[in-house]
PDB file of N, CA and C in Angstrom:
ATOM      1  N   MET A   1      15.125-201.958 -18.701  1.00  0.00           N
ATOM      2  CA  MET A   1      15.695-203.184 -19.231  1.00  0.00           C
ATOM      3  C   MET A   1      15.989-203.057 -20.724  1.00  0.00           C
ATOM      4  N   THR A   2      15.136-202.381 -21.435  1.00  0.00           N
ATOM      5  CA  THR A   2      15.321-202.235 -22.873  1.00  0.00           C
ATOM      6  C   THR A   2      16.555-201.406 -23.186  1.00  0.00           C
ATOM      7  N   ASN A   3      16.842-200.436 -22.355  1.00  0.00           N
ATOM      8  CA  ASN A   3      17.994-199.577 -22.568  1.00  0.00           C
ATOM      9  C   ASN A   3      19.298-200.365 -22.476  1.00  0.00           C
ATOM     10  N   SER A   4      19.416-201.280 -21.532  1.00  0.00           N
ATOM     11  CA  SER A   4      20.638-202.072 -21.401  1.00  0.00           C
ATOM     12  C   SER A   4      20.789-203.056 -22.560  1.00  0.00           C
ATOM     13  N   VAL A   5      19.682-203.578 -23.050  1.00  0.00           N
ATOM     14  CA  VAL A   5      19.745-204.479 -24.210  1.00  0.00           C
ATOM     15  C   VAL A   5      20.172-203.702 -25.443  1.00  0.00           C
ATOM     16  N   ASP A   6      19.644-202.504 -25.622  1.00  0.00           N
ATOM     17  CA  ASP A   6      20.035-201.672 -26.761  1.00  0.00           C
ATOM     18  C   ASP A   6      21.505-201.279 -26.685  1.00  0.00           C
ATOM     19  N   THR A   7      21.992-200.995 -25.494  1.00  0.00           N
ATOM     20  CA  THR A   7      23.398-200.648 -25.310  1.00  0.00           C
ATOM     21  C   THR A   7      24.291-201.838 -25.649  1.00  0.00           C
ATOM     22  N   PHE A   8      23.907-203.034 -25.188  1.00  0.00           N
ATOM     23  CA  PHE A   8      24.688-204.238 -25.497  1.00  0.00           C
ATOM     24  C   PHE A   8      24.707-204.496 -26.996  1.00  0.00           C
ATOM     25  N   THR A   9      23.571-204.319 -27.654  1.00  0.00           N
ATOM     26  CA  THR A   9      23.495-204.531 -29.094  1.00  0.00           C
ATOM     27  C   THR A   9      24.370-203.522 -29.833  1.00  0.00           C
ATOM     28  N   ALA A  10      24.364-202.275 -29.377  1.00  0.00           N
ATOM     29  CA  ALA A  10      25.182-201.254 -30.028  1.00  0.00           C
ATOM     30  C   ALA A  10      26.668-201.547 -29.867  1.00  0.00           C
ATOM     31  N   VAL A  11      27.078-201.986 -28.702  1.00  0.00           N
ATOM     32  CA  VAL A  11      28.483-202.327 -28.473  1.00  0.00           C
ATOM     33  C   VAL A  11      28.863-203.566 -29.284  1.00  0.00           C
ATOM     34  N   ALA A  12      27.980-204.543 -29.326  1.00  0.00           N
ATOM     35  CA  ALA A  12      28.258-205.757 -30.104  1.00  0.00           C
ATOM     36  C   ALA A  12      28.405-205.440 -31.581  1.00  0.00           C
ATOM     37  N   ASN A  13      27.617-204.508 -32.103  1.00  0.00           N
ATOM     38  CA  ASN A  13      27.708-204.151 -33.522  1.00  0.00           C
ATOM     39  C   ASN A  13      28.999-203.417 -33.864  1.00  0.00           C
ATOM     40  N   LEU A  14      29.720-202.919 -32.869  1.00  0.00           N
ATOM     41  CA  LEU A  14      31.022-202.318 -33.138  1.00  0.00           C
ATOM     42  C   LEU A  14      32.047-203.367 -33.554  1.00  0.00           C
ATOM     43  N   PHE A  15      31.869-204.589 -33.078  1.00  0.00           N
ATOM     44  CA  PHE A  15      32.869-205.630 -33.323  1.00  0.00           C
ATOM     45  C   PHE A  15      32.474-206.627 -34.402  1.00  0.00           C
ATOM     46  N   TYR A  16      31.217-206.973 -34.505  1.00  0.00           N
ATOM     47  CA  TYR A  16      30.848-207.972 -35.499  1.00  0.00           C
ATOM     48  C   TYR A  16      29.501-207.638 -36.105  1.00  0.00           C
ATOM     49  N   GLU A  17      29.325-208.074 -37.352  1.00  0.00           N
ATOM     50  CA  GLU A  17      28.105-207.756 -38.076  1.00  0.00           C
ATOM     51  C   GLU A  17      27.192-208.965 -38.239  1.00  0.00           C
ATOM     52  N   GLU A  18      27.706-210.163 -38.034  1.00  0.00           N
ATOM     53  CA  GLU A  18      26.892-211.346 -38.217  1.00  0.00           C
ATOM     54  C   GLU A  18      25.860-211.458 -37.102  1.00  0.00           C
ATOM     55  N   ASP A  19      24.935-212.395 -37.274  1.00  0.00           N
ATOM     56  CA  ASP A  19      23.898-212.609 -36.273  1.00  0.00           C
ATOM     57  C   ASP A  19      24.424-213.343 -35.057  1.00  0.00           C
ATOM     58  N   SER A  20      25.588-213.947 -35.171  1.00  0.00           N
ATOM     59  CA  SER A  20      26.104-214.780 -34.093  1.00  0.00           C
ATOM     60  C   SER A  20      27.485-214.302 -33.641  1.00  0.00           C
ATOM     61  N   PHE A  21      27.634-214.198 -32.336  1.00  0.00           N
ATOM     62  CA  PHE A  21      28.942-213.869 -31.768  1.00  0.00           C
ATOM     63  C   PHE A  21      29.916-215.017 -32.012  1.00  0.00           C
ATOM     64  N   GLY A  22      29.415-216.242 -32.097  1.00  0.00           N
ATOM     65  CA  GLY A  22      30.259-217.410 -32.347  1.00  0.00           C
ATOM     66  C   GLY A  22      30.966-217.342 -33.685  1.00  0.00           C
ATOM     67  N   VAL A  23      30.310-216.794 -34.693  1.00  0.00           N
ATOM     68  CA  VAL A  23      30.943-216.647 -36.008  1.00  0.00           C
ATOM     69  C   VAL A  23      32.123-215.693 -35.908  1.00  0.00           C
ATOM     70  N   PHE A  24      31.949-214.588 -35.199  1.00  0.00           N
ATOM     71  CA  PHE A  24      33.039-213.628 -34.996  1.00  0.00           C
ATOM     72  C   PHE A  24      34.212-214.284 -34.274  1.00  0.00           C
ATOM     73  N   VAL A  25      33.912-215.028 -33.219  1.00  0.00           N
ATOM     74  CA  VAL A  25      34.972-215.690 -32.454  1.00  0.00           C
ATOM     75  C   VAL A  25      35.678-216.731 -33.318  1.00  0.00           C
ATOM     76  N   LEU A  26      34.912-217.518 -34.053  1.00  0.00           N
ATOM     77  CA  LEU A  26      35.512-218.563 -34.884  1.00  0.00           C
ATOM     78  C   LEU A  26      36.412-217.986 -35.972  1.00  0.00           C
ATOM     79  N   VAL A  27      35.886-217.065 -36.755  1.00  0.00           N
ATOM     80  CA  VAL A  27      36.634-216.583 -37.919  1.00  0.00           C
ATOM     81  C   VAL A  27      37.713-215.579 -37.528  1.00  0.00           C
ATOM     82  N   THR A  28      37.346-214.558 -36.742  1.00  0.00           N
ATOM     83  CA  THR A  28      38.300-213.491 -36.455  1.00  0.00           C
ATOM     84  C   THR A  28      39.283-213.876 -35.369  1.00  0.00           C
ATOM     85  N   VAL A  29      38.778-214.381 -34.256  1.00  0.00           N
ATOM     86  CA  VAL A  29      39.660-214.627 -33.114  1.00  0.00           C
ATOM     87  C   VAL A  29      40.429-215.934 -33.270  1.00  0.00           C
ATOM     88  N   ILE A  30      39.734-217.021 -33.571  1.00  0.00           N
ATOM     89  CA  ILE A  30      40.422-218.324 -33.618  1.00  0.00           C
ATOM     90  C   ILE A  30      41.225-218.483 -34.909  1.00  0.00           C
ATOM     91  N   LEU A  31      40.570-218.324 -36.065  1.00  0.00           N
ATOM     92  CA  LEU A  31      41.295-218.521 -37.331  1.00  0.00           C
ATOM     93  C   LEU A  31      42.256-217.363 -37.624  1.00  0.00           C
ATOM     94  N   GLY A  32      41.742-216.134 -37.588  1.00  0.00           N
ATOM     95  CA  GLY A  32      42.601-214.982 -37.867  1.00  0.00           C
ATOM     96  C   GLY A  32      43.654-214.771 -36.807  1.00  0.00           C
ATOM     97  N   GLY A  33      43.266-214.892 -35.535  1.00  0.00           N
ATOM     98  CA  GLY A  33      44.223-214.729 -34.442  1.00  0.00           C
ATOM     99  C   GLY A  33      45.280-215.817 -34.431  1.00  0.00           C
ATOM    100  N   GLY A  34      44.870-217.045 -34.716  1.00  0.00           N
ATOM    101  CA  GLY A  34      45.842-218.141 -34.777  1.00  0.00           C
ATOM    102  C   GLY A  34      46.838-217.960 -35.901  1.00  0.00           C
ATOM    103  N   ALA A  35      46.348-217.548 -37.065  1.00  0.00           N
ATOM    104  CA  ALA A  35      47.256-217.276 -38.185  1.00  0.00           C
ATOM    105  C   ALA A  35      48.179-216.102 -37.865  1.00  0.00           C
ATOM    106  N   ALA A  36      47.651-215.113 -37.161  1.00  0.00           N
ATOM    107  CA  ALA A  36      48.469-213.947 -36.798  1.00  0.00           C
ATOM    108  C   ALA A  36      49.572-214.316 -35.819  1.00  0.00           C
ATOM    109  N   VAL A  37      49.257-215.163 -34.842  1.00  0.00           N
ATOM    110  CA  VAL A  37      50.287-215.619 -33.892  1.00  0.00           C
ATOM    111  C   VAL A  37      51.390-216.359 -34.632  1.00  0.00           C
ATOM    112  N   LEU A  38      51.010-217.244 -35.540  1.00  0.00           N
ATOM    113  CA  LEU A  38      52.012-217.994 -36.303  1.00  0.00           C
ATOM    114  C   LEU A  38      52.836-217.083 -37.209  1.00  0.00           C
ATOM    115  N   ALA A  39      52.192-216.092 -37.828  1.00  0.00           N
ATOM    116  CA  ALA A  39      52.928-215.156 -38.682  1.00  0.00           C
ATOM    117  C   ALA A  39      53.876-214.293 -37.850  1.00  0.00           C
ATOM    118  N   GLY A  40      53.415-213.807 -36.708  1.00  0.00           N
ATOM    119  CA  GLY A  40      54.290-213.021 -35.834  1.00  0.00           C
ATOM    120  C   GLY A  40      55.467-213.829 -35.341  1.00  0.00           C
ATOM    121  N   ARG A  41      55.217-215.079 -35.017  1.00  0.00           N
ATOM    122  CA  ARG A  41      56.292-215.970 -34.577  1.00  0.00           C
ATOM    123  C   ARG A  41      57.310-216.189 -35.710  1.00  0.00           C
ATOM    124  N   ALA A  42      56.810-216.373 -36.940  1.00  0.00           N
ATOM    125  CA  ALA A  42      57.702-216.579 -38.081  1.00  0.00           C
ATOM    126  C   ALA A  42      58.546-215.339 -38.358  1.00  0.00           C
ATOM    127  N   ILE A  43      57.952-214.166 -38.221  1.00  0.00           N
ATOM    128  CA  ILE A  43      58.705-212.930 -38.424  1.00  0.00           C
ATOM    129  C   ILE A  43      59.801-212.800 -37.373  1.00  0.00           C
ATOM    130  N   ALA A  44      59.495-213.142 -36.135  1.00  0.00           N
ATOM    131  CA  ALA A  44      60.505-213.054 -35.071  1.00  0.00           C
ATOM    132  C   ALA A  44      61.612-214.085 -35.272  1.00  0.00           C
ATOM    133  N   LEU A  45      61.245-215.294 -35.650  1.00  0.00           N
ATOM    134  CA  LEU A  45      62.249-216.357 -35.791  1.00  0.00           C
ATOM    135  C   LEU A  45      63.218-216.117 -36.940  1.00  0.00           C
ATOM    136  N   THR A  46      62.831-215.278 -37.896  1.00  0.00           N
ATOM    137  CA  THR A  46      63.743-214.930 -38.987  1.00  0.00           C
ATOM    138  C   THR A  46      64.438-213.590 -38.738  1.00  0.00           C
ATOM    139  N   TRP A  47      64.348-213.080 -37.515  1.00  0.00           N
ATOM    140  CA  TRP A  47      65.015-211.867 -37.052  1.00  0.00           C
ATOM    141  C   TRP A  47      64.645-210.642 -37.874  1.00  0.00           C
ATOM    142  N   ARG A  48      63.419-210.600 -38.359  1.00  0.00           N
ATOM    143  CA  ARG A  48      62.942-209.411 -39.070  1.00  0.00           C
ATOM    144  C   ARG A  48      62.448-208.381 -38.062  1.00  0.00           C
ATOM    145  N   PRO A  49      62.356-207.111 -38.457  1.00  0.00           N
ATOM    146  CA  PRO A  49      61.904-206.070 -37.519  1.00  0.00           C
ATOM    147  C   PRO A  49      60.407-206.165 -37.229  1.00  0.00           C
ATOM    148  N   TRP A  50      59.994-205.569 -36.115  1.00  0.00           N
ATOM    149  CA  TRP A  50      58.616-205.664 -35.649  1.00  0.00           C
ATOM    150  C   TRP A  50      57.632-204.981 -36.586  1.00  0.00           C
ATOM    151  N   TRP A  51      58.040-203.951 -37.314  1.00  0.00           N
ATOM    152  CA  TRP A  51      57.100-203.198 -38.131  1.00  0.00           C
ATOM    153  C   TRP A  51      56.574-203.996 -39.317  1.00  0.00           C
ATOM    154  N   GLN A  52      57.242-205.089 -39.673  1.00  0.00           N
ATOM    155  CA  GLN A  52      56.731-205.918 -40.758  1.00  0.00           C
ATOM    156  C   GLN A  52      55.428-206.622 -40.369  1.00  0.00           C
ATOM    157  N   ILE A  53      55.209-206.776 -39.073  1.00  0.00           N
ATOM    158  CA  ILE A  53      53.958-207.388 -38.620  1.00  0.00           C
ATOM    159  C   ILE A  53      52.780-206.545 -39.068  1.00  0.00           C
ATOM    160  N   ALA A  54      52.896-205.223 -38.975  1.00  0.00           N
ATOM    161  CA  ALA A  54      51.784-204.349 -39.350  1.00  0.00           C
ATOM    162  C   ALA A  54      51.382-204.562 -40.808  1.00  0.00           C
ATOM    163  N   ALA A  55      52.352-204.638 -41.696  1.00  0.00           N
ATOM    164  CA  ALA A  55      52.041-204.835 -43.117  1.00  0.00           C
ATOM    165  C   ALA A  55      51.391-206.192 -43.362  1.00  0.00           C
ATOM    166  N   TYR A  56      51.934-207.229 -42.759  1.00  0.00           N
ATOM    167  CA  TYR A  56      51.368-208.562 -42.965  1.00  0.00           C
ATOM    168  C   TYR A  56      49.998-208.712 -42.328  1.00  0.00           C
ATOM    169  N   MET A  57      49.764-208.048 -41.220  1.00  0.00           N
ATOM    170  CA  MET A  57      48.469-208.174 -40.554  1.00  0.00           C
ATOM    171  C   MET A  57      47.378-207.405 -41.294  1.00  0.00           C
ATOM    172  N   LEU A  58      47.742-206.355 -42.033  1.00  0.00           N
ATOM    173  CA  LEU A  58      46.755-205.688 -42.875  1.00  0.00           C
ATOM    174  C   LEU A  58      46.289-206.614 -43.994  1.00  0.00           C
ATOM    175  N   ILE A  59      47.214-207.382 -44.538  1.00  0.00           N
ATOM    176  CA  ILE A  59      46.844-208.372 -45.556  1.00  0.00           C
ATOM    177  C   ILE A  59      46.006-209.481 -44.936  1.00  0.00           C
ATOM    178  N   LEU A  60      46.400-209.941 -43.755  1.00  0.00           N
ATOM    179  CA  LEU A  60      45.634-210.988 -43.077  1.00  0.00           C
ATOM    180  C   LEU A  60      44.245-210.495 -42.691  1.00  0.00           C
ATOM    181  N   GLY A  61      44.122-209.226 -42.320  1.00  0.00           N
ATOM    182  CA  GLY A  61      42.807-208.654 -42.022  1.00  0.00           C
ATOM    183  C   GLY A  61      41.892-208.695 -43.234  1.00  0.00           C
ATOM    184  N   ALA A  62      42.441-208.464 -44.418  1.00  0.00           N
ATOM    185  CA  ALA A  62      41.647-208.565 -45.646  1.00  0.00           C
ATOM    186  C   ALA A  62      41.218-210.013 -45.896  1.00  0.00           C
ATOM    187  N   ALA A  63      42.087-210.956 -45.602  1.00  0.00           N
ATOM    188  CA  ALA A  63      41.727-212.371 -45.771  1.00  0.00           C
ATOM    189  C   ALA A  63      40.624-212.776 -44.791  1.00  0.00           C
ATOM    190  N   VAL A  64      40.714-212.321 -43.562  1.00  0.00           N
ATOM    191  CA  VAL A  64      39.671-212.617 -42.567  1.00  0.00           C
ATOM    192  C   VAL A  64      38.353-212.002 -43.005  1.00  0.00           C
ATOM    193  N   ARG A  65      38.390-210.780 -43.520  1.00  0.00           N
ATOM    194  CA  ARG A  65      37.164-210.128 -44.018  1.00  0.00           C
ATOM    195  C   ARG A  65      36.572-210.933 -45.165  1.00  0.00           C
ATOM    196  N   PHE A  66      37.433-211.484 -46.048  1.00  0.00           N
ATOM    197  CA  PHE A  66      36.947-212.318 -47.146  1.00  0.00           C
ATOM    198  C   PHE A  66      36.286-213.588 -46.617  1.00  0.00           C
ATOM    199  N   PHE A  67      36.846-214.196 -45.577  1.00  0.00           N
ATOM    200  CA  PHE A  67      36.217-215.387 -45.004  1.00  0.00           C
ATOM    201  C   PHE A  67      34.836-215.065 -44.444  1.00  0.00           C
ATOM    202  N   HIS A  68      34.689-213.922 -43.794  1.00  0.00           N
ATOM    203  CA  HIS A  68      33.369-213.510 -43.317  1.00  0.00           C
ATOM    204  C   HIS A  68      32.397-213.381 -44.488  1.00  0.00           C
ATOM    205  N   PHE A  69      32.871-212.806 -45.587  1.00  0.00           N
ATOM    206  CA  PHE A  69      32.033-212.605 -46.768  1.00  0.00           C
ATOM    207  C   PHE A  69      31.674-213.931 -47.440  1.00  0.00           C
ATOM    208  N   ALA A  70      32.688-214.760 -47.678  1.00  0.00           N
ATOM    209  CA  ALA A  70      32.472-215.978 -48.456  1.00  0.00           C
ATOM    210  C   ALA A  70      31.714-217.059 -47.685  1.00  0.00           C
ATOM    211  N   LEU A  71      31.991-217.189 -46.418  1.00  0.00           N
ATOM    212  CA  LEU A  71      31.393-218.292 -45.657  1.00  0.00           C
ATOM    213  C   LEU A  71      30.085-217.919 -44.966  1.00  0.00           C
ATOM    214  N   PHE A  72      29.959-216.657 -44.530  1.00  0.00           N
ATOM    215  CA  PHE A  72      28.812-216.302 -43.702  1.00  0.00           C
ATOM    216  C   PHE A  72      28.014-215.117 -44.230  1.00  0.00           C
ATOM    217  N   GLY A  73      28.313-214.653 -45.446  1.00  0.00           N
ATOM    218  CA  GLY A  73      27.536-213.588 -46.055  1.00  0.00           C
ATOM    219  C   GLY A  73      27.765-212.215 -45.461  1.00  0.00           C
ATOM    220  N   GLY A  74      28.918-211.986 -44.869  1.00  0.00           N
ATOM    221  CA  GLY A  74      29.239-210.677 -44.311  1.00  0.00           C
ATOM    222  C   GLY A  74      29.561-209.677 -45.406  1.00  0.00           C
ATOM    223  N   THR A  75      29.755-208.447 -45.016  1.00  0.00           N
ATOM    224  CA  THR A  75      30.084-207.384 -45.962  1.00  0.00           C
ATOM    225  C   THR A  75      31.583-207.443 -46.272  1.00  0.00           C
ATOM    226  N   LEU A  76      31.910-207.506 -47.550  1.00  0.00           N
ATOM    227  CA  LEU A  76      33.318-207.609 -47.932  1.00  0.00           C
ATOM    228  C   LEU A  76      34.026-206.262 -47.811  1.00  0.00           C
ATOM    229  N   LEU A  77      33.469-205.232 -48.383  1.00  0.00           N
ATOM    230  CA  LEU A  77      34.124-203.932 -48.428  1.00  0.00           C
ATOM    231  C   LEU A  77      33.548-203.011 -47.357  1.00  0.00           C
ATOM    232  N   SER A  78      33.860-203.312 -46.128  1.00  0.00           N
ATOM    233  CA  SER A  78      33.439-202.493 -44.995  1.00  0.00           C
ATOM    234  C   SER A  78      34.693-202.048 -44.247  1.00  0.00           C
ATOM    235  N   LEU A  79      34.979-200.763 -44.294  1.00  0.00           N
ATOM    236  CA  LEU A  79      36.179-200.250 -43.646  1.00  0.00           C
ATOM    237  C   LEU A  79      36.131-200.481 -42.137  1.00  0.00           C
ATOM    238  N   HIS A  80      34.974-200.287 -41.552  1.00  0.00           N
ATOM    239  CA  HIS A  80      34.827-200.452 -40.100  1.00  0.00           C
ATOM    240  C   HIS A  80      35.209-201.865 -39.660  1.00  0.00           C
ATOM    241  N   TYR A  81      34.619-202.872 -40.272  1.00  0.00           N
ATOM    242  CA  TYR A  81      34.891-204.248 -39.854  1.00  0.00           C
ATOM    243  C   TYR A  81      36.277-204.715 -40.294  1.00  0.00           C
ATOM    244  N   TYR A  82      36.807-204.148 -41.382  1.00  0.00           N
ATOM    245  CA  TYR A  82      38.178-204.447 -41.782  1.00  0.00           C
ATOM    246  C   TYR A  82      39.161-203.946 -40.727  1.00  0.00           C
ATOM    247  N   VAL A  83      38.907-202.755 -40.187  1.00  0.00           N
ATOM    248  CA  VAL A  83      39.776-202.209 -39.140  1.00  0.00           C
ATOM    249  C   VAL A  83      39.696-203.071 -37.883  1.00  0.00           C
ATOM    250  N   VAL A  84      38.499-203.523 -37.520  1.00  0.00           N
ATOM    251  CA  VAL A  84      38.335-204.388 -36.345  1.00  0.00           C
ATOM    252  C   VAL A  84      39.102-205.699 -36.552  1.00  0.00           C
ATOM    253  N   ASP A  85      38.906-206.340 -37.709  1.00  0.00           N
ATOM    254  CA  ASP A  85      39.601-207.604 -37.983  1.00  0.00           C
ATOM    255  C   ASP A  85      41.113-207.413 -38.005  1.00  0.00           C
ATOM    256  N   SER A  86      41.582-206.343 -38.633  1.00  0.00           N
ATOM    257  CA  SER A  86      43.021-206.094 -38.705  1.00  0.00           C
ATOM    258  C   SER A  86      43.606-205.775 -37.330  1.00  0.00           C
ATOM    259  N   ALA A  87      42.871-205.048 -36.503  1.00  0.00           N
ATOM    260  CA  ALA A  87      43.358-204.721 -35.155  1.00  0.00           C
ATOM    261  C   ALA A  87      43.496-205.974 -34.308  1.00  0.00           C
ATOM    262  N   ILE A  88      42.539-206.883 -34.418  1.00  0.00           N
ATOM    263  CA  ILE A  88      42.633-208.139 -33.663  1.00  0.00           C
ATOM    264  C   ILE A  88      43.801-208.970 -34.179  1.00  0.00           C
ATOM    265  N   CYS A  89      43.974-209.018 -35.492  1.00  0.00           N
ATOM    266  CA  CYS A  89      45.112-209.751 -36.052  1.00  0.00           C
ATOM    267  C   CYS A  89      46.435-209.123 -35.614  1.00  0.00           C
ATOM    268  N   MET A  90      46.506-207.802 -35.573  1.00  0.00           N
ATOM    269  CA  MET A  90      47.741-207.144 -35.138  1.00  0.00           C
ATOM    270  C   MET A  90      48.043-207.436 -33.680  1.00  0.00           C
ATOM    271  N   ALA A  91      47.020-207.433 -32.846  1.00  0.00           N
ATOM    272  CA  ALA A  91      47.244-207.727 -31.423  1.00  0.00           C
ATOM    273  C   ALA A  91      47.792-209.142 -31.250  1.00  0.00           C
ATOM    274  N   PHE A  92      47.198-210.104 -31.915  1.00  0.00           N
ATOM    275  CA  PHE A  92      47.684-211.472 -31.830  1.00  0.00           C
ATOM    276  C   PHE A  92      49.055-211.620 -32.484  1.00  0.00           C
ATOM    277  N   GLY A  93      49.276-210.923 -33.598  1.00  0.00           N
ATOM    278  CA  GLY A  93      50.568-210.990 -34.281  1.00  0.00           C
ATOM    279  C   GLY A  93      51.702-210.430 -33.435  1.00  0.00           C
ATOM    280  N   PHE A  94      51.460-209.286 -32.784  1.00  0.00           N
ATOM    281  CA  PHE A  94      52.483-208.711 -31.910  1.00  0.00           C
ATOM    282  C   PHE A  94      52.735-209.592 -30.695  1.00  0.00           C
ATOM    283  N   ALA A  95      51.691-210.247 -30.182  1.00  0.00           N
ATOM    284  CA  ALA A  95      51.884-211.163 -29.045  1.00  0.00           C
ATOM    285  C   ALA A  95      52.739-212.361 -29.457  1.00  0.00           C
ATOM    286  N   GLY A  96      52.476-212.926 -30.628  1.00  0.00           N
ATOM    287  CA  GLY A  96      53.291-214.037 -31.116  1.00  0.00           C
ATOM    288  C   GLY A  96      54.722-213.625 -31.380  1.00  0.00           C
ATOM    289  N   PHE A  97      54.901-212.438 -31.947  1.00  0.00           N
ATOM    290  CA  PHE A  97      56.236-211.911 -32.200  1.00  0.00           C
ATOM    291  C   PHE A  97      57.008-211.739 -30.901  1.00  0.00           C
ATOM    292  N   ARG A  98      56.375-211.114 -29.931  1.00  0.00           N
ATOM    293  CA  ARG A  98      57.060-210.818 -28.673  1.00  0.00           C
ATOM    294  C   ARG A  98      57.401-212.093 -27.907  1.00  0.00           C
ATOM    295  N   ALA A  99      56.494-213.073 -27.924  1.00  0.00           N
ATOM    296  CA  ALA A  99      56.775-214.335 -27.231  1.00  0.00           C
ATOM    297  C   ALA A  99      57.953-215.062 -27.880  1.00  0.00           C
ATOM    298  N   ALA A 100      57.976-215.104 -29.205  1.00  0.00           N
ATOM    299  CA  ALA A 100      59.090-215.772 -29.896  1.00  0.00           C
ATOM    300  C   ALA A 100      60.392-215.007 -29.709  1.00  0.00           C
ATOM    301  N   ARG A 101      60.331-213.681 -29.729  1.00  0.00           N
ATOM    302  CA  ARG A 101      61.543-212.892 -29.559  1.00  0.00           C
ATOM    303  C   ARG A 101      62.103-213.039 -28.148  1.00  0.00           C
ATOM    304  N   ALA A 102      61.235-213.150 -27.142  1.00  0.00           N
ATOM    305  CA  ALA A 102      61.699-213.355 -25.767  1.00  0.00           C
ATOM    306  C   ALA A 102      62.420-214.695 -25.640  1.00  0.00           C
ATOM    307  N   VAL A 103      61.868-215.727 -26.254  1.00  0.00           N
ATOM    308  CA  VAL A 103      62.531-217.044 -26.223  1.00  0.00           C
ATOM    309  C   VAL A 103      63.859-216.981 -26.956  1.00  0.00           C
ATOM    310  N   GLN A 104      63.893-216.274 -28.087  1.00  0.00           N
ATOM    311  CA  GLN A 104      65.140-216.136 -28.838  1.00  0.00           C
ATOM    312  C   GLN A 104      66.220-215.429 -28.025  1.00  0.00           C
ATOM    313  N   MET A 105      65.875-214.338 -27.419  1.00  0.00           N
ATOM    314  CA  MET A 105      66.862-213.544 -26.694  1.00  0.00           C
ATOM    315  C   MET A 105      67.422-214.302 -25.498  1.00  0.00           C
ATOM    316  N   VAL A 106      66.591-215.112 -24.869  1.00  0.00           N
ATOM    317  CA  VAL A 106      67.069-215.878 -23.715  1.00  0.00           C
ATOM    318  C   VAL A 106      67.894-217.084 -24.171  1.00  0.00           C
ATOM    319  N   SER A 107      67.481-217.757 -25.241  1.00  0.00           N
ATOM    320  CA  SER A 107      68.217-218.949 -25.670  1.00  0.00           C
ATOM    321  C   SER A 107      69.480-218.607 -26.460  1.00  0.00           C
ATOM    322  N   GLN A 108      69.446-217.564 -27.280  1.00  0.00           N
ATOM    323  CA  GLN A 108      70.614-217.205 -28.077  1.00  0.00           C
ATOM    324  C   GLN A 108      71.681-216.478 -27.253  1.00  0.00           C
ATOM    325  N   TYR A 109      71.231-215.703 -26.295  1.00  0.00           N
ATOM    326  CA  TYR A 109      72.152-214.901 -25.483  1.00  0.00           C
ATOM    327  C   TYR A 109      71.956-215.226 -24.009  1.00  0.00           C
ATOM    328  N   ARG A 110      72.101-216.500 -23.674  1.00  0.00           N
ATOM    329  CA  ARG A 110      71.825-216.913 -22.293  1.00  0.00           C
ATOM    330  C   ARG A 110      72.839-216.386 -21.290  1.00  0.00           C
ATOM    331  N   TRP A 111      74.014-215.988 -21.735  1.00  0.00           N
ATOM    332  CA  TRP A 111      74.991-215.420 -20.813  1.00  0.00           C
ATOM    333  C   TRP A 111      74.666-213.952 -20.494  1.00  0.00           C
ATOM    334  N   LEU A 112      73.788-213.325 -21.297  1.00  0.00           N
ATOM    335  CA  LEU A 112      73.409-211.936 -21.065  1.00  0.00           C
ATOM    336  C   LEU A 112      72.007-211.770 -20.482  1.00  0.00           C
ATOM    337  N   ASN A 113      71.077-212.634 -20.904  1.00  0.00           N
ATOM    338  CA  ASN A 113      69.669-212.435 -20.586  1.00  0.00           C
ATOM    339  C   ASN A 113      69.098-213.598 -19.795  1.00  0.00           C
ATOM    340  N   GLN A 114      68.043-213.289 -19.074  1.00  0.00           N
ATOM    341  CA  GLN A 114      67.281-214.322 -18.379  1.00  0.00           C
ATOM    342  C   GLN A 114      65.798-214.028 -18.563  1.00  0.00           C
ATOM    343  N   PRO A 115      64.950-215.053 -18.504  1.00  0.00           N
ATOM    344  CA  PRO A 115      63.522-214.813 -18.726  1.00  0.00           C
ATOM    345  C   PRO A 115      62.928-213.948 -17.616  1.00  0.00           C
ATOM    346  N   ASN A 116      61.969-213.143 -18.010  1.00  0.00           N
ATOM    347  CA  ASN A 116      61.272-212.271 -17.062  1.00  0.00           C
ATOM    348  C   ASN A 116      59.790-212.271 -17.425  1.00  0.00           C
ATOM    349  N   GLY A 117      59.193-213.435 -17.426  1.00  0.00           N
ATOM    350  CA  GLY A 117      57.797-213.564 -17.817  1.00  0.00           C
ATOM    351  C   GLY A 117      57.676-214.149 -19.210  1.00  0.00           C
ATOM    352  N   TRP A 118      56.435-214.200 -19.669  1.00  0.00           N
ATOM    353  CA  TRP A 118      56.124-214.845 -20.949  1.00  0.00           C
ATOM    354  C   TRP A 118      56.568-214.001 -22.135  1.00  0.00           C
ATOM    355  N   LEU A 119      56.480-212.685 -22.039  1.00  0.00           N
ATOM    356  CA  LEU A 119      56.778-211.814 -23.166  1.00  0.00           C
ATOM    357  C   LEU A 119      58.009-210.946 -22.966  1.00  0.00           C
ATOM    358  N   ARG A 120      58.781-211.201 -21.924  1.00  0.00           N
ATOM    359  CA  ARG A 120      59.888-210.305 -21.618  1.00  0.00           C
ATOM    360  C   ARG A 120      61.146-211.069 -21.242  1.00  0.00           C
ATOM    361  N   TRP A 121      62.257-210.358 -21.293  1.00  0.00           N
ATOM    362  CA  TRP A 121      63.535-210.851 -20.801  1.00  0.00           C
ATOM    363  C   TRP A 121      64.227-209.676 -20.131  1.00  0.00           C
ATOM    364  N   ARG A 122      65.236-209.982 -19.352  1.00  0.00           N
ATOM    365  CA  ARG A 122      66.018-208.928 -18.708  1.00  0.00           C
ATOM    366  C   ARG A 122      67.474-209.339 -18.661  1.00  0.00           C
ATOM    367  N   ARG A 123      68.320-208.356 -18.476  1.00  0.00           N
ATOM    368  CA  ARG A 123      69.763-208.618 -18.373  1.00  0.00           C
ATOM    369  C   ARG A 123      70.060-209.315 -17.073  1.00  0.00           C
ATOM    370  N   LYS A 124      71.008-210.227 -17.117  1.00  0.00           N
ATOM    371  CA  LYS A 124      71.461-210.875 -15.888  1.00  0.00           C
ATOM    372  C   LYS A 124      72.275-209.871 -15.087  1.00  0.00           C
ATOM    373  N   PRO A 125      72.164-209.921 -13.785  1.00  0.00           N
ATOM    374  CA  PRO A 125      73.001-209.018 -12.999  1.00  0.00           C
ATOM    375  C   PRO A 125      74.480-209.393 -13.130  1.00  0.00           C
ATOM    376  N   PRO A 126      75.371-208.402 -13.071  1.00  0.00           N
ATOM    377  CA  PRO A 126      76.807-208.685 -13.257  1.00  0.00           C
ATOM    378  C   PRO A 126      77.412-209.513 -12.146  1.00  0.00           C
TER     379      PRO A 126
END
């Protein structure tokens, strides 16, 4: 039993450093992820390329790391947790970008494209 608890603790420490999983979910997933979705959506709606999300999400990852530090006493200059926060922000940012771009492609070019799920579109058959 102790081995499984130690394994769970080791895996949990890969993602968050605070004493509570709720703090990680609140700051990184809800606040950081929500901001990332909105930023990705804004990048798509202004027809900018997808690679700009990576640059903006690295900045947002630093802001999320600062919130962990300022509000909950987390480590500010930790490369490991900065990479985790930035990766989660990038995942949410790319999802927001892709969802907005799919809506754009279907609404702007409705004679060419049709929806094919939440994040995709496809060409209409001739």
